[in-house]
Amino acid sequence: IGVLPVQVSPEFLKNIFDAIEANPKTEIEIN
C-alpha cells in the first residue's frame, strides 16, 4: 500500500534514536 519498511542493523537504529533525541529536527533520507 505504499509504506516502505526499512530494516536496519540494531547499531544503526540506535544511532537514529540518539540523533533524534539530540535534535528532533534531525532529517533522515530514504533513497
PDB file of all heavy atoms in Angstrom:
ATOM      1  N   ILE A   1       0.804  -1.228   0.000  1.00  0.00           N
ATOM      2  CA  ILE A   1       0.000   0.000   0.000  1.00  0.00           C
ATOM      3  C   ILE A   1       0.838   1.280   0.000  1.00  0.00           C
ATOM      4  O   ILE A   1       0.300   2.371   0.155  1.00  0.00           O
ATOM      5  CB  ILE A   1      -0.985   0.012   1.189  1.00  0.00           C
ATOM      6  CG1 ILE A   1      -0.246  -0.085   2.535  1.00  0.00           C
ATOM      7  CG2 ILE A   1      -1.999  -1.103   1.072  1.00  0.00           C
ATOM      8  CD1 ILE A   1      -0.528   1.067   3.436  1.00  0.00           C
ATOM      9  N   GLY A   2       2.147   1.155  -0.174  1.00  0.00           N
ATOM     10  CA  GLY A   2       2.959   2.355  -0.335  1.00  0.00           C
ATOM     11  C   GLY A   2       3.707   2.839   0.876  1.00  0.00           C
ATOM     12  O   GLY A   2       4.192   3.968   0.897  1.00  0.00           O
ATOM     13  N   VAL A   3       3.823   2.012   1.908  1.00  0.00           N
ATOM     14  CA  VAL A   3       4.665   2.333   3.063  1.00  0.00           C
ATOM     15  C   VAL A   3       5.947   1.509   2.936  1.00  0.00           C
ATOM     16  O   VAL A   3       5.882   0.286   2.828  1.00  0.00           O
ATOM     17  CB  VAL A   3       3.961   2.019   4.405  1.00  0.00           C
ATOM     18  CG1 VAL A   3       4.905   2.240   5.577  1.00  0.00           C
ATOM     19  CG2 VAL A   3       2.704   2.861   4.559  1.00  0.00           C
ATOM     20  N   LEU A   4       7.090   2.172   2.951  1.00  0.00           N
ATOM     21  CA  LEU A   4       8.356   1.470   2.777  1.00  0.00           C
ATOM     22  C   LEU A   4       8.907   1.028   4.134  1.00  0.00           C
ATOM     23  O   LEU A   4       9.245   1.862   4.971  1.00  0.00           O
ATOM     24  CB  LEU A   4       9.370   2.366   2.082  1.00  0.00           C
ATOM     25  CG  LEU A   4      10.753   1.764   1.832  1.00  0.00           C
ATOM     26  CD1 LEU A   4      10.654   0.548   0.909  1.00  0.00           C
ATOM     27  CD2 LEU A   4      11.694   2.803   1.247  1.00  0.00           C
ATOM     28  N   PRO A   5       9.006  -0.284   4.383  1.00  0.00           N
ATOM     29  CA  PRO A   5       9.632  -0.770   5.612  1.00  0.00           C
ATOM     30  C   PRO A   5      11.143  -0.894   5.403  1.00  0.00           C
ATOM     31  O   PRO A   5      11.593  -1.640   4.540  1.00  0.00           O
ATOM     32  CB  PRO A   5       8.980  -2.147   5.821  1.00  0.00           C
ATOM     33  CG  PRO A   5       8.602  -2.598   4.444  1.00  0.00           C
ATOM     34  CD  PRO A   5       8.440  -1.376   3.589  1.00  0.00           C
ATOM     35  N   VAL A   6      11.905  -0.139   6.161  1.00  0.00           N
ATOM     36  CA  VAL A   6      13.359  -0.134   6.020  1.00  0.00           C
ATOM     37  C   VAL A   6      13.975  -0.819   7.234  1.00  0.00           C
ATOM     38  O   VAL A   6      13.887  -0.310   8.352  1.00  0.00           O
ATOM     39  CB  VAL A   6      13.899   1.304   5.885  1.00  0.00           C
ATOM     40  CG1 VAL A   6      15.426   1.311   5.922  1.00  0.00           C
ATOM     41  CG2 VAL A   6      13.404   1.933   4.590  1.00  0.00           C
ATOM     42  N   GLN A   7      14.560  -1.982   7.006  1.00  0.00           N
ATOM     43  CA  GLN A   7      15.181  -2.723   8.103  1.00  0.00           C
ATOM     44  C   GLN A   7      16.665  -2.385   8.165  1.00  0.00           C
ATOM     45  O   GLN A   7      17.379  -2.509   7.173  1.00  0.00           O
ATOM     46  CB  GLN A   7      14.985  -4.227   7.916  1.00  0.00           C
ATOM     47  CG  GLN A   7      15.502  -5.043   9.101  1.00  0.00           C
ATOM     48  CD  GLN A   7      15.002  -6.475   9.065  1.00  0.00           C
ATOM     49  OE1 GLN A   7      13.849  -6.740   8.750  1.00  0.00           O
ATOM     50  NE2 GLN A   7      15.886  -7.414   9.392  1.00  0.00           N
ATOM     51  N   VAL A   8      17.093  -1.953   9.355  1.00  0.00           N
ATOM     52  CA  VAL A   8      18.488  -1.556   9.570  1.00  0.00           C
ATOM     53  C   VAL A   8      19.090  -2.408  10.679  1.00  0.00           C
ATOM     54  O   VAL A   8      18.389  -3.148  11.376  1.00  0.00           O
ATOM     55  CB  VAL A   8      18.587  -0.054   9.934  1.00  0.00           C
ATOM     56  CG1 VAL A   8      18.056   0.810   8.804  1.00  0.00           C
ATOM     57  CG2 VAL A   8      17.843   0.248  11.233  1.00  0.00           C
ATOM     58  N   SER A   9      20.384  -2.287  10.851  1.00  0.00           N
ATOM     59  CA  SER A   9      21.051  -3.010  11.935  1.00  0.00           C
ATOM     60  C   SER A   9      20.659  -2.395  13.281  1.00  0.00           C
ATOM     61  O   SER A   9      20.297  -1.211  13.347  1.00  0.00           O
ATOM     62  CB  SER A   9      22.565  -2.933  11.761  1.00  0.00           C
ATOM     63  OG  SER A   9      23.004  -1.590  11.936  1.00  0.00           O
ATOM     64  N   PRO A  10      20.737  -3.178  14.360  1.00  0.00           N
ATOM     65  CA  PRO A  10      20.444  -2.618  15.684  1.00  0.00           C
ATOM     66  C   PRO A  10      21.331  -1.416  16.015  1.00  0.00           C
ATOM     67  O   PRO A  10      20.871  -0.454  16.647  1.00  0.00           O
ATOM     68  CB  PRO A  10      20.712  -3.791  16.630  1.00  0.00           C
ATOM     69  CG  PRO A  10      20.509  -5.013  15.794  1.00  0.00           C
ATOM     70  CD  PRO A  10      20.991  -4.629  14.425  1.00  0.00           C
ATOM     71  N   GLU A  11      22.578  -1.455  15.573  1.00  0.00           N
ATOM     72  CA  GLU A  11      23.506  -0.360  15.852  1.00  0.00           C
ATOM     73  C   GLU A  11      23.081   0.921  15.137  1.00  0.00           C
ATOM     74  O   GLU A  11      23.104   2.017  15.717  1.00  0.00           O
ATOM     75  CB  GLU A  11      24.923  -0.746  15.424  1.00  0.00           C
ATOM     76  CG  GLU A  11      25.543  -1.907  16.192  1.00  0.00           C
ATOM     77  CD  GLU A  11      25.020  -3.264  15.778  1.00  0.00           C
ATOM     78  OE1 GLU A  11      24.422  -3.386  14.672  1.00  0.00           O
ATOM     79  OE2 GLU A  11      25.178  -4.230  16.564  1.00  0.00           O
ATOM     80  N   PHE A  12      22.668   0.780  13.879  1.00  0.00           N
ATOM     81  CA  PHE A  12      22.244   1.967  13.126  1.00  0.00           C
ATOM     82  C   PHE A  12      20.928   2.511  13.663  1.00  0.00           C
ATOM     83  O   PHE A  12      20.718   3.727  13.716  1.00  0.00           O
ATOM     84  CB  PHE A  12      22.120   1.642  11.640  1.00  0.00           C
ATOM     85  CG  PHE A  12      22.024   2.859  10.763  1.00  0.00           C
ATOM     86  CD1 PHE A  12      23.147   3.617  10.479  1.00  0.00           C
ATOM     87  CD2 PHE A  12      20.815   3.253  10.225  1.00  0.00           C
ATOM     88  CE1 PHE A  12      23.070   4.753   9.677  1.00  0.00           C
ATOM     89  CE2 PHE A  12      20.729   4.377   9.423  1.00  0.00           C
ATOM     90  CZ  PHE A  12      21.854   5.133   9.146  1.00  0.00           C
ATOM     91  N   LEU A  13      20.045   1.611  14.084  1.00  0.00           N
ATOM     92  CA  LEU A  13      18.782   2.047  14.682  1.00  0.00           C
ATOM     93  C   LEU A  13      19.045   2.883  15.928  1.00  0.00           C
ATOM     94  O   LEU A  13      18.422   3.937  16.126  1.00  0.00           O
ATOM     95  CB  LEU A  13      17.909   0.839  15.029  1.00  0.00           C
ATOM     96  CG  LEU A  13      16.515   1.173  15.583  1.00  0.00           C
ATOM     97  CD1 LEU A  13      15.652   1.868  14.522  1.00  0.00           C
ATOM     98  CD2 LEU A  13      15.822  -0.090  16.082  1.00  0.00           C
ATOM     99  N   LYS A  14      19.979   2.436  16.750  1.00  0.00           N
ATOM    100  CA  LYS A  14      20.330   3.198  17.951  1.00  0.00           C
ATOM    101  C   LYS A  14      20.876   4.576  17.587  1.00  0.00           C
ATOM    102  O   LYS A  14      20.554   5.584  18.233  1.00  0.00           O
ATOM    103  CB  LYS A  14      21.352   2.436  18.797  1.00  0.00           C
ATOM    104  CG  LYS A  14      21.732   3.160  20.093  1.00  0.00           C
ATOM    105  CD  LYS A  14      22.759   2.383  20.891  1.00  0.00           C
ATOM    106  CE  LYS A  14      23.056   3.077  22.219  1.00  0.00           C
ATOM    107  NZ  LYS A  14      23.528   4.475  22.059  1.00  0.00           N
ATOM    108  N   ASN A  15      21.679   4.619  16.528  1.00  0.00           N
ATOM    109  CA  ASN A  15      22.223   5.905  16.082  1.00  0.00           C
ATOM    110  C   ASN A  15      21.112   6.862  15.655  1.00  0.00           C
ATOM    111  O   ASN A  15      21.190   8.067  15.915  1.00  0.00           O
ATOM    112  CB  ASN A  15      23.201   5.685  14.927  1.00  0.00           C
ATOM    113  CG  ASN A  15      24.481   5.004  15.371  1.00  0.00           C
ATOM    114  OD1 ASN A  15      24.771   4.908  16.558  1.00  0.00           O
ATOM    115  ND2 ASN A  15      25.252   4.515  14.412  1.00  0.00           N
ATOM    116  N   ILE A  16      20.086   6.313  15.016  1.00  0.00           N
ATOM    117  CA  ILE A  16      18.957   7.155  14.608  1.00  0.00           C
ATOM    118  C   ILE A  16      18.236   7.699  15.833  1.00  0.00           C
ATOM    119  O   ILE A  16      17.951   8.899  15.925  1.00  0.00           O
ATOM    120  CB  ILE A  16      17.979   6.362  13.715  1.00  0.00           C
ATOM    121  CG1 ILE A  16      18.639   5.963  12.400  1.00  0.00           C
ATOM    122  CG2 ILE A  16      16.723   7.199  13.445  1.00  0.00           C
ATOM    123  CD1 ILE A  16      17.786   5.055  11.539  1.00  0.00           C
ATOM    124  N   PHE A  17      17.943   6.818  16.782  1.00  0.00           N
ATOM    125  CA  PHE A  17      17.265   7.266  18.001  1.00  0.00           C
ATOM    126  C   PHE A  17      18.089   8.321  18.735  1.00  0.00           C
ATOM    127  O   PHE A  17      17.554   9.334  19.209  1.00  0.00           O
ATOM    128  CB  PHE A  17      16.988   6.082  18.937  1.00  0.00           C
ATOM    129  CG  PHE A  17      15.802   5.241  18.547  1.00  0.00           C
ATOM    130  CD1 PHE A  17      15.894   3.857  18.501  1.00  0.00           C
ATOM    131  CD2 PHE A  17      14.584   5.826  18.251  1.00  0.00           C
ATOM    132  CE1 PHE A  17      14.801   3.079  18.157  1.00  0.00           C
ATOM    133  CE2 PHE A  17      13.482   5.055  17.893  1.00  0.00           C
ATOM    134  CZ  PHE A  17      13.587   3.676  17.853  1.00  0.00           C
ATOM    135  N   ASP A  18      19.389   8.087  18.816  1.00  0.00           N
ATOM    136  CA  ASP A  18      20.270   9.050  19.504  1.00  0.00           C
ATOM    137  C   ASP A  18      20.269  10.404  18.792  1.00  0.00           C
ATOM    138  O   ASP A  18      20.238  11.456  19.434  1.00  0.00           O
ATOM    139  CB  ASP A  18      21.699   8.507  19.572  1.00  0.00           C
ATOM    140  CG  ASP A  18      21.844   7.347  20.545  1.00  0.00           C
ATOM    141  OD1 ASP A  18      20.921   7.123  21.354  1.00  0.00           O
ATOM    142  OD2 ASP A  18      22.882   6.652  20.485  1.00  0.00           O
ATOM    143  N   ALA A  19      20.293  10.370  17.464  1.00  0.00           N
ATOM    144  CA  ALA A  19      20.314  11.614  16.687  1.00  0.00           C
ATOM    145  C   ALA A  19      19.019  12.404  16.873  1.00  0.00           C
ATOM    146  O   ALA A  19      19.041  13.631  17.032  1.00  0.00           O
ATOM    147  CB  ALA A  19      20.534  11.305  15.210  1.00  0.00           C
ATOM    148  N   ILE A  20      17.894  11.698  16.879  1.00  0.00           N
ATOM    149  CA  ILE A  20      16.606  12.375  17.064  1.00  0.00           C
ATOM    150  C   ILE A  20      16.468  12.909  18.483  1.00  0.00           C
ATOM    151  O   ILE A  20      15.933  14.002  18.695  1.00  0.00           O
ATOM    152  CB  ILE A  20      15.442  11.429  16.721  1.00  0.00           C
ATOM    153  CG1 ILE A  20      15.500  11.020  15.252  1.00  0.00           C
ATOM    154  CG2 ILE A  20      14.102  12.089  17.026  1.00  0.00           C
ATOM    155  CD1 ILE A  20      14.505   9.947  14.877  1.00  0.00           C
ATOM    156  N   GLU A  21      16.966  12.146  19.453  1.00  0.00           N
ATOM    157  CA  GLU A  21      16.912  12.613  20.838  1.00  0.00           C
ATOM    158  C   GLU A  21      17.748  13.880  21.005  1.00  0.00           C
ATOM    159  O   GLU A  21      17.343  14.818  21.710  1.00  0.00           O
ATOM    160  CB  GLU A  21      17.415  11.530  21.788  1.00  0.00           C
ATOM    161  CG  GLU A  21      17.324  11.930  23.260  1.00  0.00           C
ATOM    162  CD  GLU A  21      17.783  10.829  24.197  1.00  0.00           C
ATOM    163  OE1 GLU A  21      18.220   9.760  23.711  1.00  0.00           O
ATOM    164  OE2 GLU A  21      17.707  11.030  25.422  1.00  0.00           O
ATOM    165  N   ALA A  22      18.901  13.928  20.348  1.00  0.00           N
ATOM    166  CA  ALA A  22      19.774  15.104  20.437  1.00  0.00           C
ATOM    167  C   ALA A  22      19.165  16.300  19.723  1.00  0.00           C
ATOM    168  O   ALA A  22      19.312  17.446  20.164  1.00  0.00           O
ATOM    169  CB  ALA A  22      21.147  14.788  19.853  1.00  0.00           C
ATOM    170  N   ASN A  23      18.459  16.029  18.616  1.00  0.00           N
ATOM    171  CA  ASN A  23      17.840  17.110  17.846  1.00  0.00           C
ATOM    172  C   ASN A  23      16.604  16.575  17.131  1.00  0.00           C
ATOM    173  O   ASN A  23      16.725  15.885  16.117  1.00  0.00           O
ATOM    174  CB  ASN A  23      18.825  17.681  16.819  1.00  0.00           C
ATOM    175  CG  ASN A  23      18.201  18.790  15.990  1.00  0.00           C
ATOM    176  OD1 ASN A  23      17.101  19.274  16.275  1.00  0.00           O
ATOM    177  ND2 ASN A  23      18.893  19.186  14.937  1.00  0.00           N
ATOM    178  N   PRO A  24      15.406  16.877  17.624  1.00  0.00           N
ATOM    179  CA  PRO A  24      14.179  16.382  16.998  1.00  0.00           C
ATOM    180  C   PRO A  24      13.999  16.818  15.550  1.00  0.00           C
ATOM    181  O   PRO A  24      13.185  16.245  14.829  1.00  0.00           O
ATOM    182  CB  PRO A  24      13.075  16.977  17.880  1.00  0.00           C
ATOM    183  CG  PRO A  24      13.726  17.211  19.204  1.00  0.00           C
ATOM    184  CD  PRO A  24      15.129  17.620  18.870  1.00  0.00           C
ATOM    185  N   LYS A  25      14.762  17.821  15.113  1.00  0.00           N
ATOM    186  CA  LYS A  25      14.677  18.280  13.727  1.00  0.00           C
ATOM    187  C   LYS A  25      15.649  17.532  12.815  1.00  0.00           C
ATOM    188  O   LYS A  25      15.801  17.873  11.638  1.00  0.00           O
ATOM    189  CB  LYS A  25      14.962  19.786  13.652  1.00  0.00           C
ATOM    190  CG  LYS A  25      13.961  20.642  14.423  1.00  0.00           C
ATOM    191  CD  LYS A  25      12.540  20.421  13.929  1.00  0.00           C
ATOM    192  CE  LYS A  25      11.537  21.279  14.699  1.00  0.00           C
ATOM    193  NZ  LYS A  25      10.143  20.979  14.285  1.00  0.00           N
ATOM    194  N   THR A  26      16.300  16.523  13.345  1.00  0.00           N
ATOM    195  CA  THR A  26      17.192  15.693  12.535  1.00  0.00           C
ATOM    196  C   THR A  26      16.443  15.125  11.331  1.00  0.00           C
ATOM    197  O   THR A  26      15.343  14.580  11.481  1.00  0.00           O
ATOM    198  CB  THR A  26      17.751  14.526  13.375  1.00  0.00           C
ATOM    199  OG1 THR A  26      18.610  15.053  14.380  1.00  0.00           O
ATOM    200  CG2 THR A  26      18.536  13.546  12.520  1.00  0.00           C
ATOM    201  N   GLU A  27      17.033  15.255  10.161  1.00  0.00           N
ATOM    202  CA  GLU A  27      16.420  14.714   8.953  1.00  0.00           C
ATOM    203  C   GLU A  27      17.039  13.371   8.584  1.00  0.00           C
ATOM    204  O   GLU A  27      18.244  13.161   8.725  1.00  0.00           O
ATOM    205  CB  GLU A  27      16.570  15.690   7.780  1.00  0.00           C
ATOM    206  CG  GLU A  27      15.713  16.931   7.909  1.00  0.00           C
ATOM    207  CD  GLU A  27      15.676  17.724   6.623  1.00  0.00           C
ATOM    208  OE1 GLU A  27      16.709  17.763   5.901  1.00  0.00           O
ATOM    209  OE2 GLU A  27      14.612  18.320   6.332  1.00  0.00           O
ATOM    210  N   ILE A  28      16.182  12.496   8.103  1.00  0.00           N
ATOM    211  CA  ILE A  28      16.596  11.179   7.608  1.00  0.00           C
ATOM    212  C   ILE A  28      16.284  11.130   6.123  1.00  0.00           C
ATOM    213  O   ILE A  28      15.201  11.549   5.700  1.00  0.00           O
ATOM    214  CB  ILE A  28      15.839  10.049   8.331  1.00  0.00           C
ATOM    215  CG1 ILE A  28      15.929  10.185   9.854  1.00  0.00           C
ATOM    216  CG2 ILE A  28      16.340   8.680   7.864  1.00  0.00           C
ATOM    217  CD1 ILE A  28      17.304  10.027  10.419  1.00  0.00           C
ATOM    218  N   GLU A  29      17.220  10.639   5.334  1.00  0.00           N
ATOM    219  CA  GLU A  29      16.978  10.470   3.900  1.00  0.00           C
ATOM    220  C   GLU A  29      16.822   8.992   3.577  1.00  0.00           C
ATOM    221  O   GLU A  29      17.690   8.177   3.901  1.00  0.00           O
ATOM    222  CB  GLU A  29      18.136  11.036   3.080  1.00  0.00           C
ATOM    223  CG  GLU A  29      17.922  10.852   1.566  1.00  0.00           C
ATOM    224  CD  GLU A  29      19.154  11.208   0.756  1.00  0.00           C
ATOM    225  OE1 GLU A  29      19.274  12.380   0.370  1.00  0.00           O
ATOM    226  OE2 GLU A  29      19.993  10.301   0.537  1.00  0.00           O
ATOM    227  N   ILE A  30      15.714   8.670   2.937  1.00  0.00           N
ATOM    228  CA  ILE A  30      15.487   7.314   2.435  1.00  0.00           C
ATOM    229  C   ILE A  30      15.592   7.373   0.920  1.00  0.00           C
ATOM    230  O   ILE A  30      14.773   8.009   0.245  1.00  0.00           O
ATOM    231  CB  ILE A  30      14.085   6.792   2.825  1.00  0.00           C
ATOM    232  CG1 ILE A  30      13.834   6.956   4.335  1.00  0.00           C
ATOM    233  CG2 ILE A  30      13.932   5.330   2.400  1.00  0.00           C
ATOM    234  CD1 ILE A  30      14.714   6.115   5.215  1.00  0.00           C
ATOM    235  N   ASN A  31      16.609   6.748   0.368  1.00  0.00           N
ATOM    236  CA  ASN A  31      16.838   6.733  -1.070  1.00  0.00           C
ATOM    237  C   ASN A  31      16.478   5.340  -1.588  1.00  0.00           C
ATOM    238  O   ASN A  31      17.270   4.403  -1.466  1.00  0.00           O
ATOM    239  CB  ASN A  31      18.298   7.078  -1.371  1.00  0.00           C
ATOM    240  CG  ASN A  31      18.579   7.236  -2.855  1.00  0.00           C
ATOM    241  OD1 ASN A  31      18.099   6.464  -3.673  1.00  0.00           O
ATOM    242  ND2 ASN A  31      19.375   8.240  -3.190  1.00  0.00           N
TER     243      ASN A  31
END
